[in-house]
Amino acid sequence: MIDVMPPQAPTAAAIKRRAAELGLDACGITAAYPTRHADFFRDWAARDQAGEMAWLTRDPDRRGDPRLVLPGARSLIVGGLNYWQPTPGGRGRIARYALGEDYHEVLLEKLRTLADEISAQGAAAKVYVDTGPVLEKPLAQRAGLGWQGKSTMLINRSRGPWLLLGEIITTLDLDPDAPETDHCGSCSRCLDACPTRAITAPYQLDARRCIAYLTIELKGSIPEELRPLIGDRVYGCDECLDVCPWNRFAETTREARFLAGPETALDLRAMLEMTNTEFKRRFARSPILRVKRRGLLRNICVVLGNIGTMEDLPALQRAENHEEPLVREHAAWAARQIVGRLAATPQ
């Protein structure tokens, strides 16, 4: 195994070999020309379907044309990491991507190493992992890593819908891969399975209804009419991925840092008592850290409102006096839901 890329100008084949050595499960290359999805993205943003994700709708011109991100850009290298693993048991579910360490850091480390080696050969290279103006899924499709399915998620023939994506924009002129074609056919399982009907039509997603958005990106109160549909999902949602027929090819991730750690073993009642210091210590290396304690406790309250029992009422009643108004509101709602279920249950 080589330690770095050879000193001559890197070829597409050499870059892919190095990507595999660094632990990437997929690597493809496309030319740095504007994406044909730019107009679709602008229309989607104009319809306010990004909700509060203002960061996503900034710089639409740059997001549609990599050459505006890196002057002189000739190629994009798209890397993917498989993150599938069996879900742990217990009450409450966490999306698979958040069961281990923050994938942004894990994937960024690998791509930065590759980009640094490219830069050492005299070419410019910029790395992004959800951090810049890049339409990553259309670019991944163009680079041959998969196709953007009816759920809007990328589906890979060998891995199913379980690739985390990152990109290197570079001034290297590399041979591009053939784009992948759509293989969803007449299947509509993802549309049928979406608990909140966030997938409004094939290839159309209203993020404002998506459970991943509601439990992660939304910072305020979750709309009451959507709370029961969240079910037992504490952080994110894998429903449209779980039902995809291409799951038959899913394999457990080989990235040890993605595997579920003790911090994601959920004791919902006890977590309602968690201090901010405890939260930061427990989730220091987890993507769950980004929702802050108030967001996580809000989500736990909603889940307990949906699946909780009489034994959960004391913890929720204490949470009704929480210092965070957001937690107080959702705790009171959850307690009412449990009391209502108990009252409707024949004795």
Protein backbone atom coordinates (compact mmCIF):
# COMPACT_ATOMS: atom_id res chain seq x y z
CA MET A 1 0.00 0.00 0.00
CA ILE A 2 1.33 3.43 -0.92
CA ASP A 3 1.47 6.20 1.67
CA VAL A 4 0.79 9.04 -0.76
CA MET A 5 0.00 9.42 -4.42
CA PRO A 6 2.96 9.13 -6.77
CA PRO A 7 4.82 12.37 -7.64
CA GLN A 8 3.57 12.64 -11.23
CA ALA A 9 0.28 14.42 -12.05
CA PRO A 10 -2.43 12.18 -10.57
CA THR A 11 -4.67 10.27 -12.95
CA ALA A 12 -8.29 9.35 -12.33
CA ALA A 13 -7.25 5.75 -11.73
CA ALA A 14 -4.55 6.76 -9.21
CA ILE A 15 -7.00 8.97 -7.34
CA LYS A 16 -9.55 6.16 -7.09
CA ARG A 17 -6.91 3.73 -5.84
CA ARG A 18 -5.84 6.23 -3.20
CA ALA A 19 -9.45 6.89 -2.21
CA ALA A 20 -9.93 3.16 -1.61
CA GLU A 21 -6.73 3.05 0.49
CA LEU A 22 -8.09 5.90 2.60
CA GLY A 23 -11.22 3.88 3.33
CA LEU A 24 -13.73 5.40 0.91
CA ASP A 25 -16.33 2.91 -0.28
CA ALA A 26 -17.03 4.74 -3.54
CA CYS A 27 -15.25 7.31 -5.65
CA GLY A 28 -16.30 8.83 -8.97
CA ILE A 29 -15.27 11.76 -11.13
CA THR A 30 -17.21 14.25 -13.22
CA ALA A 31 -16.30 17.39 -15.12
CA ALA A 32 -16.83 20.73 -13.35
CA TYR A 33 -19.55 22.11 -15.58
CA PRO A 34 -22.87 23.53 -14.33
CA THR A 35 -25.46 21.06 -13.12
CA ARG A 36 -28.75 20.78 -14.98
CA HIS A 37 -30.49 20.62 -11.58
CA ALA A 38 -29.69 24.27 -10.81
CA ASP A 39 -33.05 25.55 -12.09
CA PHE A 40 -34.95 22.83 -10.22
CA PHE A 41 -33.10 23.79 -7.03
CA ARG A 42 -33.95 27.49 -7.45
CA ASP A 43 -37.61 26.65 -7.96
CA TRP A 44 -37.63 24.35 -4.92
CA ALA A 45 -36.08 27.08 -2.78
CA ALA A 46 -38.48 29.71 -4.13
CA ARG A 47 -41.40 27.53 -2.99
CA ASP A 48 -39.95 27.76 0.55
CA GLN A 49 -39.62 23.98 0.80
CA ALA A 50 -36.27 24.29 2.56
CA GLY A 51 -38.02 25.65 5.65
CA GLU A 52 -35.57 27.29 8.07
CA MET A 53 -32.48 25.91 6.29
CA ALA A 54 -31.34 29.30 5.02
CA TRP A 55 -27.78 27.99 4.65
CA LEU A 56 -29.05 25.63 1.97
CA THR A 57 -30.57 28.32 -0.22
CA ARG A 58 -27.69 30.79 -0.11
CA ASP A 59 -25.49 31.24 -3.19
CA PRO A 60 -27.75 29.45 -5.71
CA ASP A 61 -25.50 30.45 -8.62
CA ARG A 62 -22.38 29.03 -6.97
CA ARG A 63 -24.30 25.92 -5.91
CA GLY A 64 -25.19 25.28 -9.53
CA ASP A 65 -21.74 25.91 -11.03
CA PRO A 66 -18.58 24.52 -9.35
CA ARG A 67 -16.43 26.87 -11.43
CA LEU A 68 -17.79 29.77 -9.38
CA VAL A 69 -16.65 28.02 -6.19
CA LEU A 70 -13.10 27.34 -7.42
CA PRO A 71 -11.89 29.44 -10.38
CA GLY A 72 -10.28 27.22 -12.96
CA ALA A 73 -12.06 24.10 -11.70
CA ARG A 74 -11.97 21.26 -14.22
CA SER A 75 -13.09 18.21 -12.25
CA LEU A 76 -15.08 17.06 -9.24
CA ILE A 77 -14.10 13.99 -7.24
CA VAL A 78 -17.09 12.60 -5.34
CA GLY A 79 -16.39 10.26 -2.45
CA GLY A 80 -18.84 8.06 -0.57
CA LEU A 81 -18.79 6.22 2.75
CA ASN A 82 -21.16 3.37 3.53
CA TYR A 83 -22.83 3.85 6.93
CA TRP A 84 -25.40 1.05 7.13
CA GLN A 85 -25.58 -1.01 10.32
CA PRO A 86 -28.33 -2.83 12.21
CA THR A 87 -30.29 -0.49 14.45
CA PRO A 88 -29.92 -1.00 18.22
CA GLY A 89 -32.93 -2.13 20.21
CA GLY A 90 -34.70 -0.19 22.93
CA ARG A 91 -37.17 2.65 23.05
CA GLY A 92 -36.56 5.45 20.62
CA ARG A 93 -34.74 5.39 17.28
CA ILE A 94 -31.80 7.38 15.97
CA ALA A 95 -31.07 7.60 12.26
CA ARG A 96 -28.22 5.27 11.34
CA TYR A 97 -25.88 8.05 10.21
CA ALA A 98 -25.92 9.47 13.74
CA LEU A 99 -25.29 6.27 15.69
CA GLY A 100 -21.52 6.78 15.78
CA GLU A 101 -19.11 9.66 15.36
CA ASP A 102 -19.95 12.71 13.27
CA TYR A 103 -19.57 11.70 9.64
CA HIS A 104 -18.60 15.24 8.66
CA GLU A 105 -15.33 14.85 10.53
CA VAL A 106 -14.70 11.25 9.46
CA LEU A 107 -15.30 11.86 5.75
CA LEU A 108 -13.60 15.26 5.82
CA GLU A 109 -10.44 13.69 7.22
CA LYS A 110 -10.23 11.22 4.33
CA LEU A 111 -11.04 13.76 1.61
CA ARG A 112 -8.64 16.36 3.02
CA THR A 113 -5.82 13.83 2.90
CA LEU A 114 -6.63 13.14 -0.74
CA ALA A 115 -6.97 16.87 -1.53
CA ASP A 116 -3.67 17.69 0.18
CA GLU A 117 -1.91 15.08 -1.94
CA ILE A 118 -3.49 16.54 -5.07
CA SER A 119 -2.39 20.05 -4.03
CA ALA A 120 1.15 18.77 -3.44
CA GLN A 121 1.26 17.99 -7.16
CA GLY A 122 0.51 21.63 -8.03
CA ALA A 123 -3.27 21.57 -8.54
CA ALA A 124 -5.83 23.51 -6.51
CA ALA A 125 -8.35 21.47 -4.54
CA LYS A 126 -11.31 22.42 -2.30
CA VAL A 127 -13.11 19.94 -0.04
CA TYR A 128 -16.75 20.01 1.01
CA VAL A 129 -18.79 17.69 3.24
CA ASP A 130 -22.18 19.40 3.63
CA THR A 131 -20.27 22.64 4.23
CA GLY A 132 -20.39 24.49 0.93
CA PRO A 133 -22.45 25.37 -2.13
CA VAL A 134 -22.50 21.96 -3.82
CA LEU A 135 -25.49 20.02 -5.18
CA GLU A 136 -23.93 16.79 -4.05
CA LYS A 137 -26.49 14.18 -5.09
CA PRO A 138 -26.85 15.31 -8.73
CA LEU A 139 -23.05 15.50 -8.91
CA ALA A 140 -22.73 12.03 -7.42
CA GLN A 141 -25.12 10.72 -10.05
CA ARG A 142 -23.09 12.42 -12.77
CA ALA A 143 -19.93 10.83 -11.31
CA GLY A 144 -21.49 7.38 -11.51
CA LEU A 145 -21.98 6.76 -7.78
CA GLY A 146 -25.72 6.17 -8.03
CA TRP A 147 -28.96 7.84 -9.01
CA GLN A 148 -31.19 10.24 -7.13
CA GLY A 149 -34.22 8.10 -6.41
CA LYS A 150 -37.87 9.00 -5.97
CA SER A 151 -37.15 9.71 -2.31
CA THR A 152 -34.52 12.26 -3.54
CA MET A 153 -31.86 10.14 -1.78
CA LEU A 154 -28.89 8.80 -3.72
CA ILE A 155 -29.13 5.04 -4.40
CA ASN A 156 -26.00 3.05 -5.18
CA ARG A 157 -26.27 -0.31 -6.98
CA SER A 158 -23.80 -1.97 -4.61
CA ARG A 159 -24.67 -0.24 -1.33
CA GLY A 160 -28.30 0.80 -1.62
CA PRO A 161 -29.22 4.24 -0.23
CA TRP A 162 -26.51 4.28 2.45
CA LEU A 163 -23.67 6.46 1.12
CA LEU A 164 -22.55 9.63 2.84
CA LEU A 165 -21.11 12.04 0.28
CA GLY A 166 -18.30 14.56 0.07
CA GLU A 167 -16.61 16.35 -2.80
CA ILE A 168 -13.24 17.66 -3.93
CA ILE A 169 -13.37 20.42 -6.54
CA THR A 170 -10.04 20.59 -8.34
CA THR A 171 -8.26 22.25 -11.24
CA LEU A 172 -6.99 18.83 -12.34
CA ASP A 173 -8.35 17.73 -15.70
CA LEU A 174 -9.41 14.14 -15.02
CA ASP A 175 -11.19 11.55 -17.12
CA PRO A 176 -14.85 11.57 -16.04
CA ASP A 177 -16.94 8.52 -15.22
CA ALA A 178 -20.15 7.70 -17.04
CA PRO A 179 -23.20 9.00 -15.20
CA GLU A 180 -25.52 6.49 -13.53
CA THR A 181 -29.06 6.02 -14.85
CA ASP A 182 -32.29 5.81 -12.87
CA HIS A 183 -33.30 2.32 -11.71
CA CYS A 184 -36.36 3.10 -9.57
CA GLY A 185 -38.75 1.87 -12.25
CA SER A 186 -42.36 1.72 -11.11
CA CYS A 187 -41.46 1.30 -7.41
CA SER A 188 -43.14 3.74 -5.02
CA ARG A 189 -42.25 2.18 -1.65
CA CYS A 190 -40.52 5.32 -0.36
CA LEU A 191 -43.52 7.51 -1.15
CA ASP A 192 -45.90 5.04 0.47
CA ALA A 193 -43.75 4.62 3.60
CA CYS A 194 -43.04 8.28 4.42
CA PRO A 195 -44.86 8.86 7.74
CA THR A 196 -45.51 12.58 7.12
CA ARG A 197 -45.96 12.44 3.31
CA ALA A 198 -42.91 14.68 2.94
CA ILE A 199 -42.21 12.99 -0.41
CA THR A 200 -45.02 14.82 -2.18
CA ALA A 201 -44.45 13.17 -5.58
CA PRO A 202 -41.67 11.13 -7.19
CA TYR A 203 -38.40 13.08 -6.87
CA GLN A 204 -40.15 15.85 -4.88
CA LEU A 205 -39.47 16.50 -1.17
CA ASP A 206 -41.07 19.13 1.05
CA ALA A 207 -38.38 19.33 3.73
CA ARG A 208 -40.74 21.14 6.10
CA ARG A 209 -42.64 17.87 6.62
CA CYS A 210 -39.62 15.55 6.74
CA ILE A 211 -38.97 13.98 10.16
CA ALA A 212 -35.23 14.54 9.70
CA TYR A 213 -35.95 18.26 9.30
CA LEU A 214 -38.44 18.39 12.17
CA THR A 215 -36.14 16.64 14.65
CA ILE A 216 -32.83 18.18 13.56
CA GLU A 217 -33.04 21.34 11.46
CA LEU A 218 -36.16 22.92 12.96
CA LYS A 219 -35.06 24.88 16.00
CA GLY A 220 -38.45 25.83 17.43
CA SER A 221 -41.70 24.09 18.19
CA ILE A 222 -42.68 21.04 16.12
CA PRO A 223 -46.16 21.56 14.62
CA GLU A 224 -48.68 19.69 16.76
CA GLU A 225 -50.34 17.96 13.82
CA LEU A 226 -47.01 16.38 12.86
CA ARG A 227 -45.91 15.26 16.33
CA PRO A 228 -47.88 11.97 16.39
CA LEU A 229 -46.40 11.06 12.98
CA ILE A 230 -42.87 11.22 14.38
CA GLY A 231 -43.58 8.03 16.31
CA ASP A 232 -40.51 6.83 18.21
CA ARG A 233 -37.93 8.71 16.12
CA VAL A 234 -35.72 10.73 18.47
CA TYR A 235 -33.26 11.99 15.86
CA GLY A 236 -33.74 11.77 12.11
CA CYS A 237 -35.60 9.16 10.08
CA ASP A 238 -34.55 6.22 7.89
CA GLU A 239 -38.02 5.17 6.73
CA CYS A 240 -37.63 5.91 3.02
CA LEU A 241 -34.19 4.26 3.04
CA ASP A 242 -35.30 1.19 4.98
CA VAL A 243 -38.03 0.26 2.49
CA CYS A 244 -35.91 0.70 -0.65
CA PRO A 245 -35.57 -2.62 -2.55
CA TRP A 246 -31.91 -1.84 -3.21
CA ASN A 247 -31.36 -2.52 0.51
CA ARG A 248 -30.79 -6.13 -0.45
CA PHE A 249 -27.21 -5.12 -1.19
CA ALA A 250 -26.64 -3.24 2.10
CA GLU A 251 -23.65 -4.35 4.18
CA THR A 252 -22.48 -3.25 7.60
CA THR A 253 -20.09 -0.32 7.42
CA ARG A 254 -16.38 -1.07 7.70
CA GLU A 255 -15.77 2.35 9.29
CA ALA A 256 -15.44 1.58 13.00
CA ARG A 257 -16.13 5.20 13.96
CA PHE A 258 -19.66 4.93 12.53
CA LEU A 259 -20.66 1.99 14.72
CA ALA A 260 -23.15 2.66 17.50
CA GLY A 261 -21.55 3.79 20.73
CA PRO A 262 -22.84 3.76 24.32
CA GLU A 263 -23.98 7.38 24.01
CA THR A 264 -26.79 6.31 21.66
CA ALA A 265 -28.19 3.69 24.07
CA LEU A 266 -31.33 5.64 24.95
CA ASP A 267 -32.93 5.80 28.37
CA LEU A 268 -35.56 8.39 27.48
CA ARG A 269 -36.77 9.02 31.01
CA ALA A 270 -33.29 9.51 32.42
CA MET A 271 -32.25 11.71 29.50
CA LEU A 272 -34.96 14.21 30.37
CA GLU A 273 -32.95 14.94 33.54
CA MET A 274 -29.69 15.43 31.63
CA THR A 275 -27.75 18.64 32.35
CA ASN A 276 -26.15 20.68 29.60
CA THR A 277 -22.70 19.56 30.79
CA GLU A 278 -23.76 15.92 30.64
CA PHE A 279 -25.24 16.43 27.16
CA LYS A 280 -22.06 17.99 25.79
CA ARG A 281 -19.88 15.29 27.31
CA ARG A 282 -22.08 12.43 26.11
CA PHE A 283 -22.48 13.67 22.53
CA ALA A 284 -19.16 15.47 22.08
CA ARG A 285 -18.24 13.45 18.96
CA SER A 286 -21.75 12.80 17.72
CA PRO A 287 -23.80 14.70 15.12
CA ILE A 288 -26.53 14.80 17.78
CA LEU A 289 -24.56 17.61 19.42
CA ARG A 290 -25.79 20.02 16.74
CA VAL A 291 -29.42 19.98 17.94
CA LYS A 292 -28.31 21.14 21.39
CA ARG A 293 -29.82 19.79 24.58
CA ARG A 294 -33.08 21.74 24.18
CA GLY A 295 -33.67 20.21 20.75
CA LEU A 296 -32.94 16.66 21.88
CA LEU A 297 -35.16 16.98 24.96
CA ARG A 298 -37.93 18.43 22.77
CA ASN A 299 -37.68 15.35 20.56
CA ILE A 300 -37.66 12.97 23.53
CA CYS A 301 -40.82 14.59 24.85
CA VAL A 302 -42.55 14.07 21.49
CA VAL A 303 -41.49 10.42 21.40
CA LEU A 304 -42.72 9.83 24.94
CA GLY A 305 -45.98 11.52 23.99
CA ASN A 306 -46.33 8.92 21.26
CA ILE A 307 -45.12 5.74 22.97
CA GLY A 308 -44.87 6.64 26.65
CA THR A 309 -46.68 4.96 29.52
CA MET A 310 -47.89 5.95 32.98
CA GLU A 311 -44.37 5.28 34.26
CA ASP A 312 -43.08 8.14 32.10
CA LEU A 313 -45.47 10.73 33.50
CA PRO A 314 -43.38 11.78 36.55
CA ALA A 315 -40.35 12.57 34.36
CA LEU A 316 -42.49 14.53 31.90
CA GLN A 317 -44.21 16.42 34.72
CA ARG A 318 -40.81 17.44 36.06
CA ALA A 319 -39.85 18.51 32.53
CA GLU A 320 -42.88 20.80 32.50
CA ASN A 321 -40.82 22.97 34.88
CA HIS A 322 -37.68 22.86 32.72
CA GLU A 323 -35.72 26.09 32.30
CA GLU A 324 -36.21 25.89 28.52
CA PRO A 325 -39.67 27.02 27.32
CA LEU A 326 -39.36 24.72 24.30
CA VAL A 327 -38.95 21.68 26.54
CA ARG A 328 -41.78 22.78 28.85
CA GLU A 329 -44.20 23.09 25.93
CA HIS A 330 -43.44 19.67 24.46
CA ALA A 331 -43.37 17.98 27.87
CA ALA A 332 -46.87 19.30 28.66
CA TRP A 333 -48.11 18.07 25.27
CA ALA A 334 -46.57 14.64 25.85
CA ALA A 335 -48.14 14.31 29.30
CA ARG A 336 -51.56 15.17 27.85
CA GLN A 337 -51.12 12.53 25.17
CA ILE A 338 -50.31 9.82 27.70
CA VAL A 339 -53.18 10.81 30.01
CA GLY A 340 -55.52 10.81 27.03
CA ARG A 341 -54.44 7.30 26.02
CA LEU A 342 -54.84 6.04 29.58
CA ALA A 343 -58.32 7.53 29.80
CA ALA A 344 -59.32 5.87 26.52
CA THR A 345 -58.02 2.44 27.59
CA PRO A 346 -60.73 0.14 29.00
CA GLN A 347 -60.00 -0.70 32.61
